[in-house]
Protein backbone atom coordinates (compact mmCIF):
# COMPACT_ATOMS: atom_id res chain seq x y z
CA MET A 1 117.25 202.34 159.34
CA ARG A 2 120.71 203.44 160.45
CA GLU A 3 121.34 200.05 162.08
CA GLY A 4 120.47 198.25 158.83
CA ILE A 5 122.88 200.39 156.86
CA GLU A 6 125.64 199.69 159.38
CA LYS A 7 125.07 195.94 159.05
CA LEU A 8 125.32 196.14 155.27
CA ASN A 9 128.57 198.05 155.56
CA LYS A 10 130.04 195.23 157.66
CA VAL A 11 129.39 192.59 154.96
CA PRO A 12 132.73 191.77 153.28
CA PRO A 13 132.82 192.55 149.59
CA LYS A 14 132.51 189.67 147.15
CA THR A 15 135.82 188.42 145.83
CA LYS A 16 136.54 186.90 142.49
CA PRO A 17 137.14 183.13 142.57
CA SER A 18 140.81 182.29 142.53
CA ARG A 19 142.15 180.51 139.48
CA VAL A 20 143.81 177.14 139.91
CA ALA A 21 147.38 177.23 138.67
CA LEU A 22 147.98 174.12 136.57
CA PRO A 23 151.51 172.79 136.32
CA LYS A 24 153.19 173.19 132.99
CA THR A 25 153.52 169.94 131.08
CA GLU A 26 155.95 169.06 128.35
CA PRO A 27 154.47 167.74 125.09
CA ARG A 28 154.91 163.99 124.86
CA PRO A 29 156.36 162.68 121.59
CA LEU A 30 154.44 160.08 119.64
CA VAL A 31 155.99 156.65 120.21
CA LEU A 32 154.84 153.74 118.07
CA PRO A 33 154.86 150.13 119.28
CA ASP A 34 158.17 148.52 118.47
CA ILE A 35 160.17 145.30 118.65
CA ALA A 36 162.59 144.55 121.47
CA ASP A 37 166.30 144.98 120.83
CA GLY A 38 167.88 142.00 119.14
CA GLU A 39 164.61 140.75 117.66
CA PHE A 40 163.07 140.97 114.19
CA GLY A 41 159.44 141.84 113.67
CA VAL A 42 156.81 143.48 111.51
CA ARG A 43 155.03 146.71 112.37
CA VAL A 44 151.49 146.87 110.97
CA ILE A 45 149.56 150.15 110.63
CA VAL A 46 145.88 149.60 109.78
CA GLN A 47 143.22 152.16 108.89
CA LEU A 48 139.53 151.81 108.02
CA LEU A 49 138.56 154.69 105.69
CA ASP A 50 134.97 155.00 106.86
CA ASP A 51 133.44 158.30 105.71
CA ARG A 52 130.45 157.96 108.06
CA MET A 53 132.14 156.92 111.28
CA ARG A 54 135.18 159.17 111.55
CA ALA A 55 136.34 157.53 114.79
CA TYR A 56 137.13 154.36 112.82
CA ARG A 57 139.58 156.30 110.64
CA ALA A 58 142.12 156.51 113.46
CA PRO A 59 145.06 154.22 112.54
CA ILE A 60 145.84 151.22 114.72
CA VAL A 61 149.47 150.15 115.13
CA GLU A 62 150.73 146.71 116.14
CA ALA A 63 154.29 145.36 116.35
CA VAL A 64 154.51 141.59 115.86
CA PRO A 65 157.77 139.77 116.77
CA GLN A 66 158.90 137.09 114.31
CA LYS A 67 160.70 133.86 115.09
CA PRO A 68 163.03 132.23 112.54
CA LYS A 69 160.35 129.66 111.68
CA ASP A 70 157.92 132.49 110.87
CA LEU A 71 160.33 133.84 108.23
CA ARG A 72 161.15 130.61 106.39
CA ALA A 73 158.42 131.20 103.80
CA LEU A 74 160.08 134.51 102.86
CA ALA A 75 163.58 133.12 102.31
CA ARG A 76 165.36 134.59 99.29
CA PRO A 77 163.97 133.04 96.05
CA LYS A 78 166.33 131.96 93.31
CA LYS A 79 163.40 131.80 90.90
CA PRO A 80 159.71 132.75 91.13
CA ARG A 81 157.72 130.60 93.51
CA GLU A 82 154.34 130.59 95.21
CA LEU A 83 153.51 130.45 98.89
CA ASP A 84 150.33 130.23 100.91
CA ALA A 85 149.30 133.41 102.74
CA SER A 86 148.57 131.33 105.84
CA GLU A 87 152.35 131.01 106.32
CA LEU A 88 152.40 134.74 107.15
CA ALA A 89 149.36 134.66 109.42
CA THR A 90 151.29 135.84 112.50
CA TRP A 91 151.21 139.42 111.18
CA LEU A 92 148.64 139.34 108.36
CA SER A 93 146.06 138.47 111.02
CA GLU A 94 146.33 142.10 112.20
CA LEU A 95 144.42 143.22 109.09
CA TYR A 96 141.08 143.86 110.72
CA PRO A 97 139.44 147.12 111.83
CA PRO A 98 138.72 147.80 115.50
CA GLY A 99 135.37 148.93 116.84
CA ILE A 100 133.14 146.97 114.46
CA MET A 101 130.40 146.35 116.98
CA GLU A 102 128.24 143.93 115.00
CA ARG A 103 131.22 141.54 114.79
CA THR A 104 131.28 140.90 118.52
CA ASN A 105 131.04 137.64 120.41
CA PRO A 106 127.64 137.81 122.18
CA LYS A 107 128.98 135.88 125.20
CA THR A 108 132.34 137.54 125.80
CA LYS A 109 131.39 140.94 124.28
CA GLU A 110 134.80 141.00 122.60
CA ALA A 111 135.32 141.74 118.92
CA TYR A 112 136.01 138.69 116.76
CA ARG A 113 139.66 138.34 115.77
CA VAL A 114 140.99 136.90 112.53
CA ALA A 115 140.71 133.12 112.57
CA SER A 116 142.33 132.32 109.21
CA VAL A 117 144.31 133.88 106.38
CA SER A 118 144.24 132.34 102.91
CA GLY A 119 145.35 133.06 99.37
CA THR A 120 148.23 132.30 97.01
CA LEU A 121 151.11 134.78 96.88
CA SER A 122 153.86 135.08 94.27
CA LEU A 123 157.45 135.65 95.44
CA THR A 124 159.56 136.90 92.53
CA PRO A 125 163.27 137.88 92.61
CA ILE A 126 164.20 141.17 90.96
CA ASP A 127 167.49 142.66 89.78
CA ALA A 128 169.82 143.88 92.50
CA ALA A 129 171.55 146.85 90.90
CA ASP A 130 173.27 147.84 94.16
CA GLY A 131 174.21 144.31 95.15
CA ARG A 132 171.35 143.94 97.61
CA PRO A 133 169.11 140.98 96.61
CA ARG A 134 165.45 141.86 96.41
CA ALA A 135 162.10 140.22 95.72
CA ILE A 136 158.48 141.21 95.24
CA LEU A 137 155.69 139.44 97.13
CA SER A 138 152.20 140.06 95.78
CA GLY A 139 148.75 138.54 95.52
CA THR A 140 145.20 138.54 96.82
CA ILE A 141 144.54 137.42 100.38
CA GLN A 142 141.31 136.59 102.20
CA LEU A 143 140.73 136.94 105.93
CA THR A 144 137.98 135.21 107.92
CA ASP A 145 137.08 136.08 111.49
CA GLU A 146 136.08 133.86 114.43
CA GLY A 147 132.33 134.33 113.95
CA PRO A 148 130.04 131.38 113.11
CA ASP A 149 129.05 132.73 109.67
CA ASP A 150 132.37 132.58 107.74
CA PHE A 151 132.56 136.38 107.54
CA THR A 152 135.35 137.21 105.04
CA TRP A 153 137.07 140.24 103.55
CA GLU A 154 139.96 140.51 101.10
CA GLY A 155 142.49 142.75 99.40
CA GLU A 156 145.74 143.03 97.47
CA LEU A 157 149.10 142.60 99.18
CA ASP A 158 152.29 144.09 97.69
CA LEU A 159 155.63 143.87 99.50
CA LEU A 160 159.24 144.66 98.68
CA LEU A 161 161.73 142.36 100.42
CA THR A 162 165.49 142.80 100.70
CA TYR A 163 167.97 140.10 101.76
CA GLU A 164 171.41 139.80 103.24
CA ARG A 165 174.04 140.00 100.52
CA ARG A 166 175.69 136.68 101.40
CA SER A 167 172.72 134.64 102.55
CA SER A 168 169.03 133.98 101.95
CA LYS A 169 168.10 135.69 105.22
CA LEU A 170 165.43 138.39 105.07
CA HIS A 171 166.83 141.87 105.81
CA THR A 172 163.90 144.28 105.41
CA LEU A 173 160.22 144.20 104.50
CA ARG A 174 158.10 147.10 103.25
CA GLY A 175 154.69 147.11 101.64
CA VAL A 176 150.98 147.87 101.58
CA PHE A 177 147.60 146.18 101.71
CA GLU A 178 144.59 147.64 99.90
CA GLY A 179 141.25 145.94 100.42
CA THR A 180 137.64 146.40 101.46
CA TYR A 181 135.75 145.49 104.60
CA PRO A 182 131.99 144.76 104.37
CA ARG A 183 130.04 146.54 107.08
CA TYR A 184 126.30 146.21 107.70
CA ASP A 185 124.55 149.49 108.44
CA ARG A 186 121.52 148.67 110.59
CA ARG A 187 120.06 152.17 110.41
CA ARG A 188 120.00 152.13 106.62
CA ASN A 189 119.48 148.35 106.38
CA GLU A 190 122.28 148.01 103.86
CA ALA A 191 125.75 146.54 103.48
CA ARG A 192 128.61 148.62 102.13
CA LEU A 193 132.26 148.01 101.33
CA ILE A 194 134.64 150.27 103.24
CA PRO A 195 138.28 150.70 102.13
CA LEU A 196 140.66 148.97 104.51
CA VAL A 197 144.33 149.87 104.06
CA ALA A 198 147.53 148.94 105.84
CA VAL A 199 151.27 149.61 105.76
CA PHE A 200 153.94 147.09 106.76
CA GLU A 201 157.52 147.72 107.80
CA SER A 202 160.08 145.42 109.30
CA ARG A 203 161.64 146.38 112.60
CA PRO A 204 164.18 147.35 113.75
CA ASP A 205 165.38 148.12 110.19
């Protein structure tokens, strides 16, 4: 009996597990995609306002560089004129929501991208009270993806453009897109139209 008690007394007491000291980290600032110095481009922020799938509500941001030929359609108008939305496809083609699983290529498993942009837009000059020429670009556009079934969605585009004071060169671009994206809900066996919105801003200005 005494020997058993002595053995128990020799057992080291249990110690609390030591806590791992994590290094302190500085909060990282949010940095949006941007255009390289010396270039002109359009930043596109897209959001799908899906009230059932909250993960799709996270905005997606893309920065699309523009070459001089890409901007010719937006040259300063002396009078109202029309242009085809396909001339702005380099950045309007970013108007699609990510994560739409039923719009996926069955072979590559990648989501279908925008294959074409269509629609007629009106470019109208407006008064320049401060000496800075301006114009409004507006109209309805349609987007079709790469799938084999001509899947299309559409919305209204409204942009404010400003120009260099002594030339027809585009200076800044700001605007919004408000449309709907049709999504098929397999669980409910129904199709519904989900608001798809976007904001455009020229960079670096």
